[in-house]
Amino acid sequence: MANTYLLLIDQVYIQPLQTPEVEVELVDVITRIDFHYEATSPTGTKRTWNSSKNMLSPDPEDYITYKDITYEKCQDWVRPIQADELEIKSLLDIQIEEKETQKYLKPEKLPWEFLPPGVEENE
C-alpha cells in the first residue's frame, strides 16, 4: 500500500483595505496562505513539508473576499504545478522510508570500551 498525502491550509492572511491603481477599494484581500503537505505511510509514520504563498493583487472585478473563500479554493491557489507536487511527495516518501528503516539510528555509546588517552566521549 502506498503513502497517502494531504494538502492542508494552516493560515490565511488578509489586508483589510486595499486601494489598487484602478481606484476601487477592495476589502479583506487575501495576501498570503501558509500550507503544508502531510504524508502518512501505511504503518502510520507521518512527515510534513511546509510552505507559504504570497498572493498577487487581485483583479478588482473578480476577487474573492476572506469571508467568501473556501478551503478548496485556497488549496487550488497554493497547489504547485504537477512536477513540483511530485517532487514534494517524493521527498516526503524518502523521509518516511528513512524513519521506518532507521538508516541513521544513533546508538547510546560507541562500541569500544576504552578511548585513546586525552579523548573524551561525545554526548
Protein backbone atom coordinates (compact mmCIF):
# COMPACT_ATOMS: atom_id res chain seq x y z
CA MET A 1 0.00 0.00 0.00
CA ALA A 2 1.26 3.48 -0.86
CA ASN A 3 1.69 6.57 1.26
CA THR A 4 -1.25 8.99 1.41
CA TYR A 5 -0.92 12.77 1.05
CA LEU A 6 -2.95 15.72 2.25
CA LEU A 7 -2.62 19.37 1.26
CA LEU A 8 -3.62 21.30 4.38
CA ILE A 9 -4.18 25.04 4.80
CA ASP A 10 -2.69 26.40 8.05
CA GLN A 11 -3.34 30.14 7.90
CA VAL A 12 -4.80 32.78 5.59
CA TYR A 13 -3.64 36.40 5.88
CA ILE A 14 -5.58 39.42 4.68
CA GLN A 15 -5.17 43.11 4.00
CA PRO A 16 -8.31 44.72 5.45
CA LEU A 17 -8.40 47.53 2.88
CA GLN A 18 -6.55 47.64 -0.42
CA THR A 19 -6.75 50.55 -2.85
CA PRO A 20 -5.49 49.37 -6.24
CA GLU A 21 -4.46 51.62 -9.10
CA VAL A 22 -7.97 51.48 -10.60
CA GLU A 23 -9.28 53.32 -7.52
CA VAL A 24 -11.66 50.58 -6.43
CA GLU A 25 -11.29 49.80 -2.76
CA LEU A 26 -11.05 46.08 -2.05
CA VAL A 27 -11.93 44.75 1.39
CA ASP A 28 -10.33 41.75 3.12
CA VAL A 29 -7.99 40.86 0.28
CA ILE A 30 -6.13 37.59 0.77
CA THR A 31 -2.40 38.35 0.77
CA ARG A 32 -0.71 35.13 1.92
CA ILE A 33 -1.55 31.50 2.61
CA ASP A 34 0.50 29.17 4.82
CA PHE A 35 0.10 25.49 4.00
CA HIS A 36 1.73 22.09 4.28
CA TYR A 37 1.70 18.66 2.74
CA GLU A 38 1.31 15.77 5.12
CA ALA A 39 2.37 12.28 4.05
CA THR A 40 1.32 9.20 6.03
CA SER A 41 2.70 5.72 5.47
CA PRO A 42 0.54 2.59 5.75
CA THR A 43 2.19 1.99 9.17
CA GLY A 44 1.28 5.48 10.41
CA THR A 45 4.60 7.31 10.05
CA LYS A 46 3.95 10.99 9.21
CA ARG A 47 6.16 13.61 7.65
CA THR A 48 5.35 17.18 6.60
CA TRP A 49 6.58 19.78 4.09
CA ASN A 50 5.71 23.41 4.99
CA SER A 51 5.42 26.41 2.71
CA SER A 52 3.75 29.80 2.17
CA LYS A 53 2.43 31.53 -0.91
CA ASN A 54 2.25 35.30 -1.28
CA MET A 55 -0.78 36.19 -3.35
CA LEU A 56 -0.75 38.68 -6.21
CA SER A 57 -3.06 41.69 -6.09
CA PRO A 58 -6.44 40.51 -7.35
CA ASP A 59 -8.43 41.74 -10.32
CA PRO A 60 -10.92 44.23 -8.78
CA GLU A 61 -13.73 42.83 -10.88
CA ASP A 62 -13.08 39.20 -9.99
CA TYR A 63 -11.74 38.74 -6.48
CA ILE A 64 -12.91 36.71 -3.52
CA THR A 65 -13.08 38.29 -0.08
CA TYR A 66 -11.92 36.47 3.02
CA LYS A 67 -15.47 35.75 4.20
CA ASP A 68 -16.32 34.10 0.86
CA ILE A 69 -13.19 31.97 0.44
CA THR A 70 -13.46 28.19 0.56
CA TYR A 71 -10.91 25.66 1.76
CA GLU A 72 -10.83 24.10 -1.70
CA LYS A 73 -10.17 27.47 -3.37
CA CYS A 74 -7.19 28.06 -1.04
CA GLN A 75 -5.88 24.61 -1.95
CA ASP A 76 -6.22 25.44 -5.66
CA TRP A 77 -4.28 28.67 -5.20
CA VAL A 78 -1.35 27.09 -3.34
CA ARG A 79 -1.13 23.74 -5.12
CA PRO A 80 2.16 23.69 -7.04
CA ILE A 81 2.43 22.60 -10.64
CA GLN A 82 2.27 18.82 -11.06
CA ALA A 83 6.04 18.33 -11.43
CA ASP A 84 6.73 20.25 -8.20
CA GLU A 85 3.97 18.38 -6.37
CA LEU A 86 5.50 15.05 -7.44
CA GLU A 87 8.90 16.22 -6.16
CA ILE A 88 7.41 17.21 -2.79
CA LYS A 89 5.72 13.81 -2.48
CA SER A 90 8.96 12.07 -3.43
CA LEU A 91 10.87 13.98 -0.72
CA LEU A 92 8.23 13.01 1.84
CA ASP A 93 8.44 9.37 0.72
CA ILE A 94 12.22 9.42 1.27
CA GLN A 95 11.80 10.92 4.76
CA ILE A 96 9.24 8.25 5.67
CA GLU A 97 11.49 5.48 4.35
CA GLU A 98 14.48 6.79 6.33
CA LYS A 99 12.40 6.95 9.51
CA GLU A 100 10.90 3.49 9.08
CA THR A 101 14.17 1.76 8.10
CA GLN A 102 16.10 3.60 10.82
CA LYS A 103 19.02 4.06 8.49
CA TYR A 104 20.58 6.68 10.78
CA LEU A 105 19.89 5.28 14.23
CA LYS A 106 22.29 6.73 16.82
CA PRO A 107 23.45 4.18 19.43
CA GLU A 108 23.74 5.39 23.02
CA LYS A 109 27.51 4.80 23.16
CA LEU A 110 30.37 3.78 20.93
CA PRO A 111 31.16 0.06 20.66
CA TRP A 112 34.68 0.24 22.08
CA GLU A 113 35.33 0.08 25.75
CA PHE A 114 38.27 2.46 26.09
CA LEU A 115 39.01 5.76 24.35
CA PRO A 116 42.55 6.87 23.42
CA PRO A 117 44.30 8.92 26.15
CA GLY A 118 43.18 12.55 26.22
CA VAL A 119 39.97 11.90 24.24
CA GLU A 120 36.55 12.30 25.83
CA GLU A 121 33.40 10.62 24.57
CA ASN A 122 30.92 12.96 22.92
CA GLU A 123 27.46 13.06 24.44
